[in-house]
């Protein structure tokens, strides 16, 4: 896989999020965390655009549909 260098301006919040994701996704570094987050987001948004829904089961067993801004609302 060919690598390309990308420069980004990130806020302090963005940096904190990359640090959190580095731990949660067990990645080697922040760049790997960003790459993983992009791949996860691409997969989820593709499924939603294809008519799917993202559902989360809470600890109490209840289900909630996640709405991703910019992708429209889930089917009623």
PDB file of N, CA and C in Angstrom:
ATOM      1  N   UNK A   1       0.853  -1.172   0.000  1.00  0.00           N
ATOM      2  CA  UNK A   1       0.000   0.000   0.000  1.00  0.00           C
ATOM      3  C   UNK A   1       0.900   1.236   0.000  1.00  0.00           C
ATOM      4  N   UNK A   2       0.631   2.139  -0.928  1.00  0.00           N
ATOM      5  CA  UNK A   2       1.401   3.376  -1.016  1.00  0.00           C
ATOM      6  C   UNK A   2       0.926   4.346   0.062  1.00  0.00           C
ATOM      7  N   UNK A   3       1.859   4.947   0.760  1.00  0.00           N
ATOM      8  CA  UNK A   3       1.532   5.937   1.786  1.00  0.00           C
ATOM      9  C   UNK A   3       1.687   7.329   1.215  1.00  0.00           C
ATOM     10  N   UNK A   4       0.799   8.225   1.613  1.00  0.00           N
ATOM     11  CA  UNK A   4       0.873   9.626   1.216  1.00  0.00           C
ATOM     12  C   UNK A   4       0.864  10.467   2.474  1.00  0.00           C
ATOM     13  N   UNK A   5       1.694  11.465   2.512  1.00  0.00           N
ATOM     14  CA  UNK A   5       1.761  12.356   3.659  1.00  0.00           C
ATOM     15  C   UNK A   5       0.629  13.369   3.577  1.00  0.00           C
ATOM     16  N   UNK A   6      -0.050  13.582   4.703  1.00  0.00           N
ATOM     17  CA  UNK A   6      -1.148  14.534   4.791  1.00  0.00           C
ATOM     18  C   UNK A   6      -0.881  15.439   5.992  1.00  0.00           C
ATOM     19  N   UNK A   7      -1.068  16.720   5.789  1.00  0.00           N
ATOM     20  CA  UNK A   7      -0.931  17.674   6.884  1.00  0.00           C
ATOM     21  C   UNK A   7      -2.312  18.199   7.229  1.00  0.00           C
ATOM     22  N   UNK A   8      -2.622  18.211   8.519  1.00  0.00           N
ATOM     23  CA  UNK A   8      -3.942  18.672   8.961  1.00  0.00           C
ATOM     24  C   UNK A   8      -3.766  19.635  10.117  1.00  0.00           C
ATOM     25  N   UNK A   9      -4.657  20.608  10.194  1.00  0.00           N
ATOM     26  CA  UNK A   9      -4.718  21.483  11.357  1.00  0.00           C
ATOM     27  C   UNK A   9      -5.805  20.937  12.264  1.00  0.00           C
ATOM     28  N   UNK A  10      -5.430  20.550  13.482  1.00  0.00           N
ATOM     29  CA  UNK A  10      -6.379  19.952  14.411  1.00  0.00           C
ATOM     30  C   UNK A  10      -6.536  20.818  15.643  1.00  0.00           C
ATOM     31  N   UNK A  11      -7.743  20.818  16.175  1.00  0.00           N
ATOM     32  CA  UNK A  11      -7.999  21.532  17.419  1.00  0.00           C
ATOM     33  C   UNK A  11      -7.500  20.693  18.592  1.00  0.00           C
ATOM     34  N   UNK A  12      -7.456  21.301  19.754  1.00  0.00           N
ATOM     35  CA  UNK A  12      -7.074  20.564  20.957  1.00  0.00           C
ATOM     36  C   UNK A  12      -8.037  19.400  21.183  1.00  0.00           C
ATOM     37  N   UNK A  13      -9.312  19.605  20.882  1.00  0.00           N
ATOM     38  CA  UNK A  13     -10.308  18.535  21.024  1.00  0.00           C
ATOM     39  C   UNK A  13     -10.008  17.379  20.070  1.00  0.00           C
ATOM     40  N   UNK A  14      -9.638  17.710  18.820  1.00  0.00           N
ATOM     41  CA  UNK A  14      -9.291  16.680  17.847  1.00  0.00           C
ATOM     42  C   UNK A  14      -8.096  15.850  18.333  1.00  0.00           C
ATOM     43  N   UNK A  15      -7.096  16.511  18.862  1.00  0.00           N
ATOM     44  CA  UNK A  15      -5.907  15.818  19.373  1.00  0.00           C
ATOM     45  C   UNK A  15      -6.300  14.905  20.531  1.00  0.00           C
ATOM     46  N   UNK A  16      -7.133  15.416  21.436  1.00  0.00           N
ATOM     47  CA  UNK A  16      -7.590  14.591  22.562  1.00  0.00           C
ATOM     48  C   UNK A  16      -8.350  13.374  22.051  1.00  0.00           C
ATOM     49  N   UNK A  17      -9.190  13.560  21.024  1.00  0.00           N
ATOM     50  CA  UNK A  17      -9.929  12.431  20.451  1.00  0.00           C
ATOM     51  C   UNK A  17      -8.992  11.405  19.834  1.00  0.00           C
ATOM     52  N   UNK A  18      -7.930  11.855  19.165  1.00  0.00           N
ATOM     53  CA  UNK A  18      -6.987  10.891  18.582  1.00  0.00           C
ATOM     54  C   UNK A  18      -6.263  10.113  19.672  1.00  0.00           C
ATOM     55  N   UNK A  19      -5.976  10.776  20.782  1.00  0.00           N
ATOM     56  CA  UNK A  19      -5.330  10.073  21.896  1.00  0.00           C
ATOM     57  C   UNK A  19      -6.266   9.020  22.490  1.00  0.00           C
ATOM     58  N   UNK A  20      -7.531   9.370  22.650  1.00  0.00           N
ATOM     59  CA  UNK A  20      -8.524   8.415  23.162  1.00  0.00           C
ATOM     60  C   UNK A  20      -8.656   7.234  22.198  1.00  0.00           C
ATOM     61  N   UNK A  21      -8.776   7.520  20.895  1.00  0.00           N
ATOM     62  CA  UNK A  21      -8.939   6.450  19.907  1.00  0.00           C
ATOM     63  C   UNK A  21      -7.696   5.578  19.791  1.00  0.00           C
ATOM     64  N   UNK A  22      -6.530   6.160  19.987  1.00  0.00           N
ATOM     65  CA  UNK A  22      -5.298   5.368  19.959  1.00  0.00           C
ATOM     66  C   UNK A  22      -5.376   4.264  21.007  1.00  0.00           C
ATOM     67  N   UNK A  23      -5.893   4.601  22.173  1.00  0.00           N
ATOM     68  CA  UNK A  23      -6.048   3.609  23.248  1.00  0.00           C
ATOM     69  C   UNK A  23      -7.200   2.653  22.953  1.00  0.00           C
ATOM     70  N   UNK A  24      -8.374   3.198  22.622  1.00  0.00           N
ATOM     71  CA  UNK A  24      -9.555   2.354  22.410  1.00  0.00           C
ATOM     72  C   UNK A  24      -9.397   1.400  21.231  1.00  0.00           C
ATOM     73  N   UNK A  25      -8.740   1.855  20.175  1.00  0.00           N
ATOM     74  CA  UNK A  25      -8.567   1.015  18.981  1.00  0.00           C
ATOM     75  C   UNK A  25      -7.269   0.231  19.010  1.00  0.00           C
ATOM     76  N   UNK A  26      -6.502   0.421  20.086  1.00  0.00           N
ATOM     77  CA  UNK A  26      -5.233  -0.294  20.273  1.00  0.00           C
ATOM     78  C   UNK A  26      -4.317  -0.128  19.052  1.00  0.00           C
ATOM     79  N   UNK A  27      -4.166   1.129  18.626  1.00  0.00           N
ATOM     80  CA  UNK A  27      -3.307   1.408  17.481  1.00  0.00           C
ATOM     81  C   UNK A  27      -1.924   1.844  17.951  1.00  0.00           C
ATOM     82  N   UNK A  28      -0.959   1.786  17.033  1.00  0.00           N
ATOM     83  CA  UNK A  28       0.432   2.112  17.361  1.00  0.00           C
ATOM     84  C   UNK A  28       0.641   3.593  17.610  1.00  0.00           C
ATOM     85  N   UNK A  29      -0.121   4.425  16.900  1.00  0.00           N
ATOM     86  CA  UNK A  29       0.087   5.866  16.998  1.00  0.00           C
ATOM     87  C   UNK A  29      -1.180   6.601  16.561  1.00  0.00           C
ATOM     88  N   UNK A  30      -1.134   7.929  16.672  1.00  0.00           N
ATOM     89  CA  UNK A  30      -2.306   8.730  16.336  1.00  0.00           C
ATOM     90  C   UNK A  30      -2.674   8.619  14.856  1.00  0.00           C
ATOM     91  N   UNK A  31      -1.674   8.536  13.987  1.00  0.00           N
ATOM     92  CA  UNK A  31      -1.967   8.413  12.555  1.00  0.00           C
ATOM     93  C   UNK A  31      -2.738   7.124  12.270  1.00  0.00           C
ATOM     94  N   UNK A  32      -2.357   6.042  12.939  1.00  0.00           N
ATOM     95  CA  UNK A  32      -3.082   4.774  12.763  1.00  0.00           C
ATOM     96  C   UNK A  32      -4.495   4.878  13.319  1.00  0.00           C
ATOM     97  N   UNK A  33      -4.662   5.606  14.418  1.00  0.00           N
ATOM     98  CA  UNK A  33      -6.001   5.799  14.988  1.00  0.00           C
ATOM     99  C   UNK A  33      -6.887   6.569  14.015  1.00  0.00           C
ATOM    100  N   UNK A  34      -6.333   7.618  13.393  1.00  0.00           N
ATOM    101  CA  UNK A  34      -7.097   8.395  12.417  1.00  0.00           C
ATOM    102  C   UNK A  34      -7.453   7.523  11.217  1.00  0.00           C
ATOM    103  N   UNK A  35      -6.507   6.723  10.742  1.00  0.00           N
ATOM    104  CA  UNK A  35      -6.767   5.833   9.613  1.00  0.00           C
ATOM    105  C   UNK A  35      -7.878   4.839   9.943  1.00  0.00           C
ATOM    106  N   UNK A  36      -7.811   4.253  11.140  1.00  0.00           N
ATOM    107  CA  UNK A  36      -8.858   3.306  11.558  1.00  0.00           C
ATOM    108  C   UNK A  36     -10.205   3.998  11.676  1.00  0.00           C
ATOM    109  N   UNK A  37     -10.214   5.186  12.249  1.00  0.00           N
ATOM    110  CA  UNK A  37     -11.471   5.927  12.412  1.00  0.00           C
ATOM    111  C   UNK A  37     -12.079   6.259  11.050  1.00  0.00           C
ATOM    112  N   UNK A  38     -11.244   6.617  10.081  1.00  0.00           N
ATOM    113  CA  UNK A  38     -11.741   6.894   8.734  1.00  0.00           C
ATOM    114  C   UNK A  38     -12.341   5.638   8.100  1.00  0.00           C
ATOM    115  N   UNK A  39     -11.686   4.499   8.268  1.00  0.00           N
ATOM    116  CA  UNK A  39     -12.190   3.244   7.690  1.00  0.00           C
ATOM    117  C   UNK A  39     -13.515   2.842   8.340  1.00  0.00           C
ATOM    118  N   UNK A  40     -13.606   2.987   9.655  1.00  0.00           N
ATOM    119  CA  UNK A  40     -14.847   2.656  10.368  1.00  0.00           C
ATOM    120  C   UNK A  40     -15.970   3.580   9.905  1.00  0.00           C
ATOM    121  N   UNK A  41     -15.682   4.874   9.830  1.00  0.00           N
ATOM    122  CA  UNK A  41     -16.687   5.847   9.417  1.00  0.00           C
ATOM    123  C   UNK A  41     -17.144   5.607   7.990  1.00  0.00           C
ATOM    124  N   UNK A  42     -16.201   5.280   7.098  1.00  0.00           N
ATOM    125  CA  UNK A  42     -16.575   5.004   5.713  1.00  0.00           C
ATOM    126  C   UNK A  42     -17.527   3.820   5.639  1.00  0.00           C
ATOM    127  N   UNK A  43     -17.235   2.760   6.371  1.00  0.00           N
ATOM    128  CA  UNK A  43     -18.092   1.579   6.357  1.00  0.00           C
ATOM    129  C   UNK A  43     -19.481   1.860   6.897  1.00  0.00           C
ATOM    130  N   UNK A  44     -19.548   2.587   7.998  1.00  0.00           N
ATOM    131  CA  UNK A  44     -20.845   2.913   8.603  1.00  0.00           C
ATOM    132  C   UNK A  44     -21.656   3.815   7.683  1.00  0.00           C
ATOM    133  N   UNK A  45     -21.024   4.865   7.153  1.00  0.00           N
ATOM    134  CA  UNK A  45     -21.776   5.783   6.284  1.00  0.00           C
ATOM    135  C   UNK A  45     -22.228   5.107   5.006  1.00  0.00           C
ATOM    136  N   UNK A  46     -21.426   4.180   4.470  1.00  0.00           N
ATOM    137  CA  UNK A  46     -21.835   3.433   3.269  1.00  0.00           C
ATOM    138  C   UNK A  46     -23.082   2.615   3.571  1.00  0.00           C
ATOM    139  N   UNK A  47     -23.100   1.929   4.720  1.00  0.00           N
ATOM    140  CA  UNK A  47     -24.264   1.111   5.072  1.00  0.00           C
ATOM    141  C   UNK A  47     -25.508   1.969   5.242  1.00  0.00           C
ATOM    142  N   UNK A  48     -25.368   3.143   5.872  1.00  0.00           N
ATOM    143  CA  UNK A  48     -26.520   4.022   6.077  1.00  0.00           C
ATOM    144  C   UNK A  48     -27.009   4.564   4.737  1.00  0.00           C
ATOM    145  N   UNK A  49     -26.100   4.958   3.864  1.00  0.00           N
ATOM    146  CA  UNK A  49     -26.513   5.453   2.552  1.00  0.00           C
ATOM    147  C   UNK A  49     -27.193   4.373   1.722  1.00  0.00           C
ATOM    148  N   UNK A  50     -26.853   3.113   1.988  1.00  0.00           N
ATOM    149  CA  UNK A  50     -27.483   1.991   1.292  1.00  0.00           C
ATOM    150  C   UNK A  50     -28.802   1.575   1.939  1.00  0.00           C
ATOM    151  N   UNK A  51     -29.278   2.378   2.904  1.00  0.00           N
ATOM    152  CA  UNK A  51     -30.577   2.121   3.513  1.00  0.00           C
ATOM    153  C   UNK A  51     -30.523   1.441   4.863  1.00  0.00           C
ATOM    154  N   UNK A  52     -29.344   1.153   5.378  1.00  0.00           N
ATOM    155  CA  UNK A  52     -29.223   0.518   6.682  1.00  0.00           C
ATOM    156  C   UNK A  52     -29.356   1.513   7.824  1.00  0.00           C
ATOM    157  N   UNK A  53     -29.400   0.991   9.020  1.00  0.00           N
ATOM    158  CA  UNK A  53     -29.455   1.805  10.228  1.00  0.00           C
ATOM    159  C   UNK A  53     -28.351   1.346  11.168  1.00  0.00           C
ATOM    160  N   UNK A  54     -27.868   2.292  11.970  1.00  0.00           N
ATOM    161  CA  UNK A  54     -26.882   1.970  12.997  1.00  0.00           C
ATOM    162  C   UNK A  54     -27.627   1.916  14.324  1.00  0.00           C
ATOM    163  N   UNK A  55     -27.632   0.734  14.921  1.00  0.00           N
ATOM    164  CA  UNK A  55     -28.337   0.533  16.184  1.00  0.00           C
ATOM    165  C   UNK A  55     -27.328   0.262  17.294  1.00  0.00           C
ATOM    166  N   UNK A  56     -27.619   0.806  18.477  1.00  0.00           N
ATOM    167  CA  UNK A  56     -26.771   0.584  19.649  1.00  0.00           C
ATOM    168  C   UNK A  56     -27.631  -0.014  20.745  1.00  0.00           C
ATOM    169  N   UNK A  57     -27.133  -1.079  21.345  1.00  0.00           N
ATOM    170  CA  UNK A  57     -27.838  -1.670  22.481  1.00  0.00           C
ATOM    171  C   UNK A  57     -27.216  -1.095  23.749  1.00  0.00           C
ATOM    172  N   UNK A  58     -28.026  -0.467  24.585  1.00  0.00           N
ATOM    173  CA  UNK A  58     -27.558   0.109  25.849  1.00  0.00           C
ATOM    174  C   UNK A  58     -27.389  -0.995  26.897  1.00  0.00           C
ATOM    175  N   UNK A  59     -26.732  -0.658  27.978  1.00  0.00           N
ATOM    176  CA  UNK A  59     -26.496  -1.634  29.044  1.00  0.00           C
ATOM    177  C   UNK A  59     -27.795  -2.224  29.577  1.00  0.00           C
ATOM    178  N   UNK A  60     -28.875  -1.410  29.571  1.00  0.00           N
ATOM    179  CA  UNK A  60     -30.158  -1.898  30.083  1.00  0.00           C
ATOM    180  C   UNK A  60     -30.915  -2.748  29.064  1.00  0.00           C
ATOM    181  N   UNK A  61     -30.320  -2.951  27.883  1.00  0.00           N
ATOM    182  CA  UNK A  61     -30.942  -3.782  26.862  1.00  0.00           C
ATOM    183  C   UNK A  61     -31.768  -3.014  25.846  1.00  0.00           C
ATOM    184  N   UNK A  62     -32.042  -1.747  26.111  1.00  0.00           N
ATOM    185  CA  UNK A  62     -32.823  -0.960  25.150  1.00  0.00           C
ATOM    186  C   UNK A  62     -31.970  -0.655  23.920  1.00  0.00           C
ATOM    187  N   UNK A  63     -32.668  -0.442  22.810  1.00  0.00           N
ATOM    188  CA  UNK A  63     -31.990  -0.168  21.536  1.00  0.00           C
ATOM    189  C   UNK A  63     -32.238   1.280  21.136  1.00  0.00           C
ATOM    190  N   UNK A  64     -31.229   1.860  20.507  1.00  0.00           N
ATOM    191  CA  UNK A  64     -31.352   3.235  20.029  1.00  0.00           C
ATOM    192  C   UNK A  64     -30.757   3.307  18.631  1.00  0.00           C
ATOM    193  N   UNK A  65     -31.444   4.032  17.738  1.00  0.00           N
ATOM    194  CA  UNK A  65     -30.932   4.265  16.389  1.00  0.00           C
ATOM    195  C   UNK A  65     -30.081   5.519  16.413  1.00  0.00           C
ATOM    196  N   UNK A  66     -28.855   5.403  15.907  1.00  0.00           N
ATOM    197  CA  UNK A  66     -27.988   6.572  15.819  1.00  0.00           C
ATOM    198  C   UNK A  66     -28.266   7.309  14.526  1.00  0.00           C
ATOM    199  N   UNK A  67     -28.307   8.620  14.612  1.00  0.00           N
ATOM    200  CA  UNK A  67     -28.477   9.464  13.434  1.00  0.00           C
ATOM    201  C   UNK A  67     -27.142  10.131  13.179  1.00  0.00           C
ATOM    202  N   UNK A  68     -26.646  10.000  11.964  1.00  0.00           N
ATOM    203  CA  UNK A  68     -25.371  10.595  11.599  1.00  0.00           C
ATOM    204  C   UNK A  68     -25.662  11.855  10.802  1.00  0.00           C
ATOM    205  N   UNK A  69     -25.305  13.022  11.346  1.00  0.00           N
ATOM    206  CA  UNK A  69     -25.575  14.274  10.648  1.00  0.00           C
ATOM    207  C   UNK A  69     -24.999  14.261   9.234  1.00  0.00           C
ATOM    208  N   UNK A  70     -25.772  14.771   8.302  1.00  0.00           N
ATOM    209  CA  UNK A  70     -25.325  14.834   6.924  1.00  0.00           C
ATOM    210  C   UNK A  70     -25.770  13.653   6.082  1.00  0.00           C
ATOM    211  N   UNK A  71     -26.240  12.584   6.728  1.00  0.00           N
ATOM    212  CA  UNK A  71     -26.682  11.400   5.984  1.00  0.00           C
ATOM    213  C   UNK A  71     -28.192  11.282   5.946  1.00  0.00           C
ATOM    214  N   UNK A  72     -28.894  12.265   6.463  1.00  0.00           N
ATOM    215  CA  UNK A  72     -30.344  12.191   6.479  1.00  0.00           C
ATOM    216  C   UNK A  72     -30.829  11.432   7.699  1.00  0.00           C
ATOM    217  N   UNK A  73     -32.110  11.443   7.889  1.00  0.00           N
ATOM    218  CA  UNK A  73     -32.694  10.778   9.040  1.00  0.00           C
ATOM    219  C   UNK A  73     -33.008   9.329   8.715  1.00  0.00           C
ATOM    220  N   UNK A  74     -33.027   8.470   9.757  1.00  0.00           N
ATOM    221  CA  UNK A  74     -33.349   7.064   9.521  1.00  0.00           C
ATOM    222  C   UNK A  74     -34.782   6.900   9.066  1.00  0.00           C
ATOM    223  N   UNK A  75     -35.052   5.806   8.388  1.00  0.00           N
ATOM    224  CA  UNK A  75     -36.404   5.512   7.916  1.00  0.00           C
ATOM    225  C   UNK A  75     -37.348   5.387   9.098  1.00  0.00           C
ATOM    226  N   UNK A  76     -38.549   5.914   8.944  1.00  0.00           N
ATOM    227  CA  UNK A  76     -39.536   5.859  10.033  1.00  0.00           C
ATOM    228  C   UNK A  76     -40.207   4.515  10.093  1.00  0.00           C
TER     229      UNK A  76
END
